[in-house]
């Protein structure tokens, strides 16, 4: 079992938008991509990152978001996994915003797992999930969170039944946002928190996003902050836990790359 970063591109935006207290004149790099977790019972890809048609997909975002950021394309996850000979059991969405579903277009036939509330969020017609609807949701399956409390969260989903990959609902950024806890055989522990925070300062503070960014991106800013405070306390109580925001390039650069995965 192993964990690997699969970057598919980058975005660039003002640091102040990522967390309250950031310098407005400092530009930050936001990695866009997927996290591959290899497991003997099947490989999981957390989020899909940029797809081959990212130019068209970016145009589905609000104009103000396009004005405040720019992006750089990389190789889609589907192409990288095919080249590496790595099959997938499923794609698990931490949430269904455009930069997390764009790459699904290159992963046809792969099941997509998500929280039932996120599936309902997509079906609701909310503008933030327009791309998910455009790409289609026939492969979506809502997960049952029936594994009991975990790490202070009320409910969970132990994906393989061995405690190695445990999903918990973390609503706020979107109604059905997830956090994935991954425990590797060597004892390394990760928390994949999606867009609860874009950069680690959001967890370390804890510091919410700039009010404008939160207004644009968070379905419920207060609930997002409550989750940040929960994750901050969890990290303080478990210093060995490696928290991985979906877009902090500094964190992703420390993760093993796909080349280390090898074919299977």
C-alpha atoms as a PDB file:
ATOM      1  CA  UNK A   1       0.000   0.000   0.000  1.00  0.00           C
ATOM      2  CA  UNK A   2       1.273   3.480  -0.840  1.00  0.00           C
ATOM      3  CA  UNK A   3       0.261   7.098  -1.450  1.00  0.00           C
ATOM      4  CA  UNK A   4       1.347   9.248  -4.410  1.00  0.00           C
ATOM      5  CA  UNK A   5       0.817  12.792  -5.658  1.00  0.00           C
ATOM      6  CA  UNK A   6      -0.433  13.098  -9.241  1.00  0.00           C
ATOM      7  CA  UNK A   7      -0.255  16.806 -10.129  1.00  0.00           C
ATOM      8  CA  UNK A   8      -2.141  17.803 -13.278  1.00  0.00           C
ATOM      9  CA  UNK A   9      -1.437  21.536 -13.396  1.00  0.00           C
ATOM     10  CA  UNK A  10      -1.162  24.665 -11.318  1.00  0.00           C
ATOM     11  CA  UNK A  11      -3.086  27.823 -10.593  1.00  0.00           C
ATOM     12  CA  UNK A  12      -1.731  31.119  -9.334  1.00  0.00           C
ATOM     13  CA  UNK A  13      -3.598  33.562  -7.107  1.00  0.00           C
ATOM     14  CA  UNK A  14      -3.056  36.104  -4.356  1.00  0.00           C
ATOM     15  CA  UNK A  15      -1.994  34.570  -1.057  1.00  0.00           C
ATOM     16  CA  UNK A  16      -4.544  36.691   0.782  1.00  0.00           C
ATOM     17  CA  UNK A  17      -7.345  34.843  -0.986  1.00  0.00           C
ATOM     18  CA  UNK A  18      -6.120  31.491   0.336  1.00  0.00           C
ATOM     19  CA  UNK A  19      -6.247  32.354   4.034  1.00  0.00           C
ATOM     20  CA  UNK A  20      -7.105  35.413   6.063  1.00  0.00           C
ATOM     21  CA  UNK A  21      -3.863  37.165   6.962  1.00  0.00           C
ATOM     22  CA  UNK A  22      -1.967  36.392   3.761  1.00  0.00           C
ATOM     23  CA  UNK A  23      -0.155  39.212   1.993  1.00  0.00           C
ATOM     24  CA  UNK A  24      -2.214  40.536  -0.918  1.00  0.00           C
ATOM     25  CA  UNK A  25       0.842  41.266  -3.075  1.00  0.00           C
ATOM     26  CA  UNK A  26       2.258  37.752  -2.657  1.00  0.00           C
ATOM     27  CA  UNK A  27       1.278  35.284  -5.359  1.00  0.00           C
ATOM     28  CA  UNK A  28       0.855  31.674  -4.277  1.00  0.00           C
ATOM     29  CA  UNK A  29       1.051  28.504  -6.342  1.00  0.00           C
ATOM     30  CA  UNK A  30      -1.998  26.270  -6.069  1.00  0.00           C
ATOM     31  CA  UNK A  31      -1.308  22.732  -7.230  1.00  0.00           C
ATOM     32  CA  UNK A  32      -4.207  21.039  -9.030  1.00  0.00           C
ATOM     33  CA  UNK A  33      -4.232  17.282  -9.118  1.00  0.00           C
ATOM     34  CA  UNK A  34      -5.090  13.930  -7.624  1.00  0.00           C
ATOM     35  CA  UNK A  35      -3.817  11.738  -4.814  1.00  0.00           C
ATOM     36  CA  UNK A  36      -3.394   8.073  -5.699  1.00  0.00           C
ATOM     37  CA  UNK A  37      -3.718   5.527  -2.905  1.00  0.00           C
ATOM     38  CA  UNK A  38      -2.636   2.055  -3.926  1.00  0.00           C
ATOM     39  CA  UNK A  39      -4.164  -0.799  -1.955  1.00  0.00           C
ATOM     40  CA  UNK A  40      -4.121  -4.575  -2.522  1.00  0.00           C
ATOM     41  CA  UNK A  41      -7.920  -4.495  -2.794  1.00  0.00           C
ATOM     42  CA  UNK A  42      -7.911  -1.760  -5.450  1.00  0.00           C
ATOM     43  CA  UNK A  43      -6.417   1.638  -6.218  1.00  0.00           C
ATOM     44  CA  UNK A  44      -8.276   4.839  -5.330  1.00  0.00           C
ATOM     45  CA  UNK A  45      -7.783   8.249  -6.918  1.00  0.00           C
ATOM     46  CA  UNK A  46      -8.818  11.159  -4.733  1.00  0.00           C
ATOM     47  CA  UNK A  47     -10.144  13.925  -7.006  1.00  0.00           C
ATOM     48  CA  UNK A  48      -9.470  14.135 -10.727  1.00  0.00           C
ATOM     49  CA  UNK A  49      -7.626  17.437 -11.180  1.00  0.00           C
ATOM     50  CA  UNK A  50      -7.352  19.118 -14.571  1.00  0.00           C
ATOM     51  CA  UNK A  51      -8.468  17.147 -17.590  1.00  0.00           C
ATOM     52  CA  UNK A  52      -7.405  17.368 -21.211  1.00  0.00           C
ATOM     53  CA  UNK A  53     -10.171  19.914 -21.886  1.00  0.00           C
ATOM     54  CA  UNK A  54      -9.270  22.235 -19.010  1.00  0.00           C
ATOM     55  CA  UNK A  55      -9.333  25.324 -21.272  1.00  0.00           C
ATOM     56  CA  UNK A  56     -13.044  24.833 -21.881  1.00  0.00           C
ATOM     57  CA  UNK A  57     -13.673  23.752 -18.309  1.00  0.00           C
ATOM     58  CA  UNK A  58     -12.064  26.886 -16.830  1.00  0.00           C
ATOM     59  CA  UNK A  59     -14.556  28.993 -18.773  1.00  0.00           C
ATOM     60  CA  UNK A  60     -17.389  27.455 -16.749  1.00  0.00           C
ATOM     61  CA  UNK A  61     -16.130  29.245 -13.610  1.00  0.00           C
ATOM     62  CA  UNK A  62     -17.415  32.690 -12.525  1.00  0.00           C
ATOM     63  CA  UNK A  63     -15.796  35.604 -14.357  1.00  0.00           C
ATOM     64  CA  UNK A  64     -14.468  37.070 -11.113  1.00  0.00           C
ATOM     65  CA  UNK A  65     -12.678  33.792 -10.380  1.00  0.00           C
ATOM     66  CA  UNK A  66     -11.137  33.909 -13.850  1.00  0.00           C
ATOM     67  CA  UNK A  67      -9.978  37.493 -13.264  1.00  0.00           C
ATOM     68  CA  UNK A  68      -8.387  36.660  -9.902  1.00  0.00           C
ATOM     69  CA  UNK A  69      -6.423  33.617 -11.009  1.00  0.00           C
ATOM     70  CA  UNK A  70      -4.535  32.054 -13.892  1.00  0.00           C
ATOM     71  CA  UNK A  71      -3.651  28.454 -14.591  1.00  0.00           C
ATOM     72  CA  UNK A  72      -0.953  26.285 -16.125  1.00  0.00           C
ATOM     73  CA  UNK A  73      -1.804  22.979 -17.719  1.00  0.00           C
ATOM     74  CA  UNK A  74      -0.084  19.707 -16.911  1.00  0.00           C
ATOM     75  CA  UNK A  75      -0.690  16.116 -17.955  1.00  0.00           C
ATOM     76  CA  UNK A  76      -4.147  14.791 -16.991  1.00  0.00           C
ATOM     77  CA  UNK A  77      -4.254  12.070 -14.349  1.00  0.00           C
ATOM     78  CA  UNK A  78      -5.881   9.629 -16.741  1.00  0.00           C
ATOM     79  CA  UNK A  79      -2.950   9.858 -19.126  1.00  0.00           C
ATOM     80  CA  UNK A  80      -0.400   9.555 -16.315  1.00  0.00           C
ATOM     81  CA  UNK A  81      -2.060   6.485 -14.818  1.00  0.00           C
ATOM     82  CA  UNK A  82      -2.391   4.793 -18.200  1.00  0.00           C
ATOM     83  CA  UNK A  83       1.286   5.409 -18.957  1.00  0.00           C
ATOM     84  CA  UNK A  84       2.247   4.014 -15.550  1.00  0.00           C
ATOM     85  CA  UNK A  85      -0.011   0.978 -15.939  1.00  0.00           C
ATOM     86  CA  UNK A  86      -2.022   1.762 -12.812  1.00  0.00           C
ATOM     87  CA  UNK A  87      -5.717   0.730 -12.917  1.00  0.00           C
ATOM     88  CA  UNK A  88      -8.338   2.272 -10.664  1.00  0.00           C
ATOM     89  CA  UNK A  89     -11.039   0.838  -8.464  1.00  0.00           C
ATOM     90  CA  UNK A  90     -12.715   4.253  -8.156  1.00  0.00           C
ATOM     91  CA  UNK A  91     -12.296   8.010  -8.066  1.00  0.00           C
ATOM     92  CA  UNK A  92     -13.290   9.462  -4.695  1.00  0.00           C
ATOM     93  CA  UNK A  93     -14.383  13.100  -4.818  1.00  0.00           C
ATOM     94  CA  UNK A  94     -13.575  15.228  -1.797  1.00  0.00           C
ATOM     95  CA  UNK A  95     -16.112  17.547  -3.446  1.00  0.00           C
ATOM     96  CA  UNK A  96     -17.461  18.310  -6.919  1.00  0.00           C
ATOM     97  CA  UNK A  97     -16.028  21.726  -7.853  1.00  0.00           C
ATOM     98  CA  UNK A  98     -14.722  22.110 -11.391  1.00  0.00           C
ATOM     99  CA  UNK A  99     -11.000  21.672 -10.667  1.00  0.00           C
ATOM    100  CA  UNK A 100     -11.722  18.389  -8.866  1.00  0.00           C
ATOM    101  CA  UNK A 101     -13.921  16.882 -11.607  1.00  0.00           C
ATOM    102  CA  UNK A 102     -12.316  18.181 -14.817  1.00  0.00           C
ATOM    103  CA  UNK A 103     -10.153  15.070 -15.171  1.00  0.00           C
ATOM    104  CA  UNK A 104     -13.151  12.724 -14.906  1.00  0.00           C
ATOM    105  CA  UNK A 105     -13.638  13.298 -18.628  1.00  0.00           C
ATOM    106  CA  UNK A 106     -10.419  11.324 -19.196  1.00  0.00           C
ATOM    107  CA  UNK A 107     -11.386   8.498 -16.812  1.00  0.00           C
ATOM    108  CA  UNK A 108     -14.442   7.110 -18.545  1.00  0.00           C
ATOM    109  CA  UNK A 109     -15.756   3.881 -17.100  1.00  0.00           C
ATOM    110  CA  UNK A 110     -14.202   4.433 -13.665  1.00  0.00           C
ATOM    111  CA  UNK A 111     -16.748   4.544 -10.808  1.00  0.00           C
ATOM    112  CA  UNK A 112     -16.960   7.856  -8.952  1.00  0.00           C
ATOM    113  CA  UNK A 113     -17.661   7.764  -5.219  1.00  0.00           C
ATOM    114  CA  UNK A 114     -18.942  10.722  -3.214  1.00  0.00           C
ATOM    115  CA  UNK A 115     -21.142  11.693  -0.282  1.00  0.00           C
ATOM    116  CA  UNK A 116     -24.895  11.568  -0.906  1.00  0.00           C
ATOM    117  CA  UNK A 117     -25.162  15.246   0.034  1.00  0.00           C
ATOM    118  CA  UNK A 118     -22.560  16.081  -2.603  1.00  0.00           C
ATOM    119  CA  UNK A 119     -24.464  14.096  -5.187  1.00  0.00           C
ATOM    120  CA  UNK A 120     -27.567  16.077  -4.248  1.00  0.00           C
ATOM    121  CA  UNK A 121     -25.531  19.309  -4.445  1.00  0.00           C
ATOM    122  CA  UNK A 122     -24.565  18.461  -8.022  1.00  0.00           C
ATOM    123  CA  UNK A 123     -28.166  17.580  -8.898  1.00  0.00           C
ATOM    124  CA  UNK A 124     -29.462  20.801  -7.327  1.00  0.00           C
ATOM    125  CA  UNK A 125     -28.311  22.920 -10.265  1.00  0.00           C
ATOM    126  CA  UNK A 126     -25.924  25.020  -8.169  1.00  0.00           C
ATOM    127  CA  UNK A 127     -23.587  27.009 -10.426  1.00  0.00           C
ATOM    128  CA  UNK A 128     -20.525  25.689  -8.568  1.00  0.00           C
ATOM    129  CA  UNK A 129     -21.244  22.191  -9.875  1.00  0.00           C
ATOM    130  CA  UNK A 130     -22.086  23.122 -13.471  1.00  0.00           C
ATOM    131  CA  UNK A 131     -19.098  21.267 -14.904  1.00  0.00           C
ATOM    132  CA  UNK A 132     -19.927  18.087 -12.978  1.00  0.00           C
ATOM    133  CA  UNK A 133     -23.393  18.070 -14.557  1.00  0.00           C
ATOM    134  CA  UNK A 134     -21.981  18.831 -17.999  1.00  0.00           C
ATOM    135  CA  UNK A 135     -19.544  15.919 -17.792  1.00  0.00           C
ATOM    136  CA  UNK A 136     -22.311  13.617 -16.577  1.00  0.00           C
ATOM    137  CA  UNK A 137     -22.998  11.775 -13.342  1.00  0.00           C
ATOM    138  CA  UNK A 138     -23.972   8.305 -14.522  1.00  0.00           C
ATOM    139  CA  UNK A 139     -20.871   6.804 -12.890  1.00  0.00           C
ATOM    140  CA  UNK A 140     -21.563   8.405  -9.495  1.00  0.00           C
ATOM    141  CA  UNK A 141     -22.257   6.245  -6.446  1.00  0.00           C
ATOM    142  CA  UNK A 142     -23.199   7.692  -3.063  1.00  0.00           C
ATOM    143  CA  UNK A 143     -21.286   6.096  -0.198  1.00  0.00           C
ATOM    144  CA  UNK A 144     -22.873   4.778   2.979  1.00  0.00           C
ATOM    145  CA  UNK A 145     -21.126   6.085   6.102  1.00  0.00           C
ATOM    146  CA  UNK A 146     -21.782   3.098   8.317  1.00  0.00           C
ATOM    147  CA  UNK A 147     -18.462   2.483  10.087  1.00  0.00           C
ATOM    148  CA  UNK A 148     -19.093   4.491  13.252  1.00  0.00           C
ATOM    149  CA  UNK A 149     -17.169   7.372  14.857  1.00  0.00           C
ATOM    150  CA  UNK A 150     -13.585   8.050  13.805  1.00  0.00           C
ATOM    151  CA  UNK A 151     -11.018  10.618  14.976  1.00  0.00           C
ATOM    152  CA  UNK A 152     -13.700  12.783  16.552  1.00  0.00           C
ATOM    153  CA  UNK A 153     -16.043  12.620  13.547  1.00  0.00           C
ATOM    154  CA  UNK A 154     -19.490  11.181  14.218  1.00  0.00           C
ATOM    155  CA  UNK A 155     -19.681   8.861  11.208  1.00  0.00           C
ATOM    156  CA  UNK A 156     -17.182   7.304   8.832  1.00  0.00           C
ATOM    157  CA  UNK A 157     -16.657   4.886   5.953  1.00  0.00           C
ATOM    158  CA  UNK A 158     -13.868   2.335   6.380  1.00  0.00           C
ATOM    159  CA  UNK A 159     -13.398   1.678   2.669  1.00  0.00           C
ATOM    160  CA  UNK A 160     -11.454  -1.591   2.838  1.00  0.00           C
ATOM    161  CA  UNK A 161     -12.455  -2.681   6.343  1.00  0.00           C
ATOM    162  CA  UNK A 162      -8.860  -2.598   7.584  1.00  0.00           C
ATOM    163  CA  UNK A 163      -8.590   1.006   8.808  1.00  0.00           C
ATOM    164  CA  UNK A 164      -6.193   1.985   6.026  1.00  0.00           C
ATOM    165  CA  UNK A 165      -8.575   4.376   4.222  1.00  0.00           C
ATOM    166  CA  UNK A 166     -11.342   5.970   6.256  1.00  0.00           C
ATOM    167  CA  UNK A 167     -13.621   8.680   4.863  1.00  0.00           C
ATOM    168  CA  UNK A 168     -15.537  11.136   7.055  1.00  0.00           C
ATOM    169  CA  UNK A 169     -18.125  13.776   6.150  1.00  0.00           C
ATOM    170  CA  UNK A 170     -16.762  17.320   6.554  1.00  0.00           C
ATOM    171  CA  UNK A 171     -19.488  19.672   5.258  1.00  0.00           C
ATOM    172  CA  UNK A 172     -18.753  23.362   4.835  1.00  0.00           C
ATOM    173  CA  UNK A 173     -16.809  24.086   1.678  1.00  0.00           C
ATOM    174  CA  UNK A 174     -19.577  22.122  -0.018  1.00  0.00           C
ATOM    175  CA  UNK A 175     -22.502  20.301   1.609  1.00  0.00           C
ATOM    176  CA  UNK A 176     -20.957  16.898   0.948  1.00  0.00           C
ATOM    177  CA  UNK A 177     -17.240  17.562   1.362  1.00  0.00           C
ATOM    178  CA  UNK A 178     -15.135  14.654   2.626  1.00  0.00           C
ATOM    179  CA  UNK A 179     -11.879  14.155   4.485  1.00  0.00           C
ATOM    180  CA  UNK A 180      -9.930  10.980   3.767  1.00  0.00           C
ATOM    181  CA  UNK A 181      -7.649   9.532   6.445  1.00  0.00           C
ATOM    182  CA  UNK A 182      -4.967   7.225   5.043  1.00  0.00           C
ATOM    183  CA  UNK A 183      -2.717   5.018   7.186  1.00  0.00           C
ATOM    184  CA  UNK A 184       0.206   3.333   5.432  1.00  0.00           C
ATOM    185  CA  UNK A 185       1.872   0.093   6.597  1.00  0.00           C
ATOM    186  CA  UNK A 186       4.940   2.037   7.757  1.00  0.00           C
ATOM    187  CA  UNK A 187       2.800   4.087  10.126  1.00  0.00           C
ATOM    188  CA  UNK A 188       2.574   7.267   8.033  1.00  0.00           C
ATOM    189  CA  UNK A 189      -0.785   8.959   8.546  1.00  0.00           C
ATOM    190  CA  UNK A 190      -2.373  11.418   6.150  1.00  0.00           C
ATOM    191  CA  UNK A 191      -5.527  13.528   6.160  1.00  0.00           C
ATOM    192  CA  UNK A 192      -6.640  14.588   2.683  1.00  0.00           C
ATOM    193  CA  UNK A 193      -8.846  17.578   3.477  1.00  0.00           C
ATOM    194  CA  UNK A 194      -9.870  18.774   0.020  1.00  0.00           C
ATOM    195  CA  UNK A 195     -10.647  22.493  -0.030  1.00  0.00           C
ATOM    196  CA  UNK A 196     -11.447  22.877   3.653  1.00  0.00           C
ATOM    197  CA  UNK A 197      -8.266  24.964   3.402  1.00  0.00           C
ATOM    198  CA  UNK A 198      -6.372  25.745   0.214  1.00  0.00           C
ATOM    199  CA  UNK A 199      -3.046  26.295   1.995  1.00  0.00           C
ATOM    200  CA  UNK A 200      -1.612  24.947   5.271  1.00  0.00           C
ATOM    201  CA  UNK A 201      -1.858  28.339   6.960  1.00  0.00           C
ATOM    202  CA  UNK A 202      -5.604  27.788   6.936  1.00  0.00           C
ATOM    203  CA  UNK A 203      -5.164  24.735   9.176  1.00  0.00           C
ATOM    204  CA  UNK A 204      -2.242  26.035  11.215  1.00  0.00           C
ATOM    205  CA  UNK A 205      -4.016  29.307  12.123  1.00  0.00           C
ATOM    206  CA  UNK A 206      -6.688  28.180  11.942  1.00  0.00           C
ATOM    207  CA  UNK A 207      -7.475  30.928   9.439  1.00  0.00           C
ATOM    208  CA  UNK A 208     -10.450  31.043   7.074  1.00  0.00           C
ATOM    209  CA  UNK A 209     -10.153  32.111   3.477  1.00  0.00           C
ATOM    210  CA  UNK A 210     -10.360  35.809   2.593  1.00  0.00           C
ATOM    211  CA  UNK A 211     -13.997  36.904   2.787  1.00  0.00           C
ATOM    212  CA  UNK A 212     -14.192  37.293  -0.992  1.00  0.00           C
ATOM    213  CA  UNK A 213     -12.725  33.858  -1.672  1.00  0.00           C
ATOM    214  CA  UNK A 214     -14.988  32.291   0.938  1.00  0.00           C
ATOM    215  CA  UNK A 215     -18.013  34.052  -0.539  1.00  0.00           C
ATOM    216  CA  UNK A 216     -17.149  32.670  -3.960  1.00  0.00           C
ATOM    217  CA  UNK A 217     -16.021  29.182  -2.980  1.00  0.00           C
ATOM    218  CA  UNK A 218     -17.473  28.066   0.374  1.00  0.00           C
ATOM    219  CA  UNK A 219     -21.080  26.915   0.476  1.00  0.00           C
ATOM    220  CA  UNK A 220     -21.111  27.634   4.228  1.00  0.00           C
ATOM    221  CA  UNK A 221     -18.267  29.788   5.534  1.00  0.00           C
ATOM    222  CA  UNK A 222     -19.142  29.268   9.201  1.00  0.00           C
ATOM    223  CA  UNK A 223     -19.242  25.495   8.823  1.00  0.00           C
ATOM    224  CA  UNK A 224     -15.954  25.566   6.913  1.00  0.00           C
ATOM    225  CA  UNK A 225     -14.303  27.495   9.751  1.00  0.00           C
ATOM    226  CA  UNK A 226     -15.700  25.020  12.293  1.00  0.00           C
ATOM    227  CA  UNK A 227     -14.129  22.178  10.303  1.00  0.00           C
ATOM    228  CA  UNK A 228     -10.828  24.060  10.134  1.00  0.00           C
ATOM    229  CA  UNK A 229     -10.856  24.474  13.906  1.00  0.00           C
ATOM    230  CA  UNK A 230     -11.603  20.760  14.284  1.00  0.00           C
ATOM    231  CA  UNK A 231      -8.734  19.809  11.967  1.00  0.00           C
ATOM    232  CA  UNK A 232      -6.390  22.251  13.728  1.00  0.00           C
ATOM    233  CA  UNK A 233      -7.144  20.601  17.075  1.00  0.00           C
ATOM    234  CA  UNK A 234      -6.821  17.125  15.582  1.00  0.00           C
ATOM    235  CA  UNK A 235      -3.405  17.934  14.134  1.00  0.00           C
ATOM    236  CA  UNK A 236      -2.256  19.414  17.466  1.00  0.00           C
ATOM    237  CA  UNK A 237      -3.301  16.215  19.250  1.00  0.00           C
ATOM    238  CA  UNK A 238      -1.684  14.014  16.597  1.00  0.00           C
ATOM    239  CA  UNK A 239       1.573  15.700  15.506  1.00  0.00           C
ATOM    240  CA  UNK A 240       2.451  12.765  13.238  1.00  0.00           C
ATOM    241  CA  UNK A 241      -0.663  13.391  11.118  1.00  0.00           C
ATOM    242  CA  UNK A 242       0.270  14.874   7.735  1.00  0.00           C
ATOM    243  CA  UNK A 243      -2.541  17.186   6.635  1.00  0.00           C
ATOM    244  CA  UNK A 244      -2.765  17.585   2.855  1.00  0.00           C
ATOM    245  CA  UNK A 245      -4.837  20.486   1.531  1.00  0.00           C
ATOM    246  CA  UNK A 246      -5.859  19.907  -2.070  1.00  0.00           C
ATOM    247  CA  UNK A 247      -3.921  22.886  -3.414  1.00  0.00           C
ATOM    248  CA  UNK A 248      -0.818  23.552  -1.287  1.00  0.00           C
ATOM    249  CA  UNK A 249       2.111  22.985  -3.667  1.00  0.00           C
ATOM    250  CA  UNK A 250       4.597  23.054  -0.773  1.00  0.00           C
ATOM    251  CA  UNK A 251       2.884  20.054   0.828  1.00  0.00           C
ATOM    252  CA  UNK A 252       2.421  18.169  -2.445  1.00  0.00           C
ATOM    253  CA  UNK A 253       6.078  18.626  -3.377  1.00  0.00           C
ATOM    254  CA  UNK A 254       6.984  16.531  -0.305  1.00  0.00           C
ATOM    255  CA  UNK A 255       4.760  13.607  -1.297  1.00  0.00           C
ATOM    256  CA  UNK A 256       6.018  10.611  -3.314  1.00  0.00           C
ATOM    257  CA  UNK A 257       5.382  11.008  -7.037  1.00  0.00           C
ATOM    258  CA  UNK A 258       3.628   8.612  -9.359  1.00  0.00           C
ATOM    259  CA  UNK A 259       6.943   7.263 -10.677  1.00  0.00           C
ATOM    260  CA  UNK A 260       7.439   5.603  -7.299  1.00  0.00           C
ATOM    261  CA  UNK A 261       4.163   3.701  -7.666  1.00  0.00           C
ATOM    262  CA  UNK A 262       5.158   1.353 -10.466  1.00  0.00           C
ATOM    263  CA  UNK A 263       2.621  -0.597 -12.551  1.00  0.00           C
ATOM    264  CA  UNK A 264       0.018  -2.878 -11.026  1.00  0.00           C
END
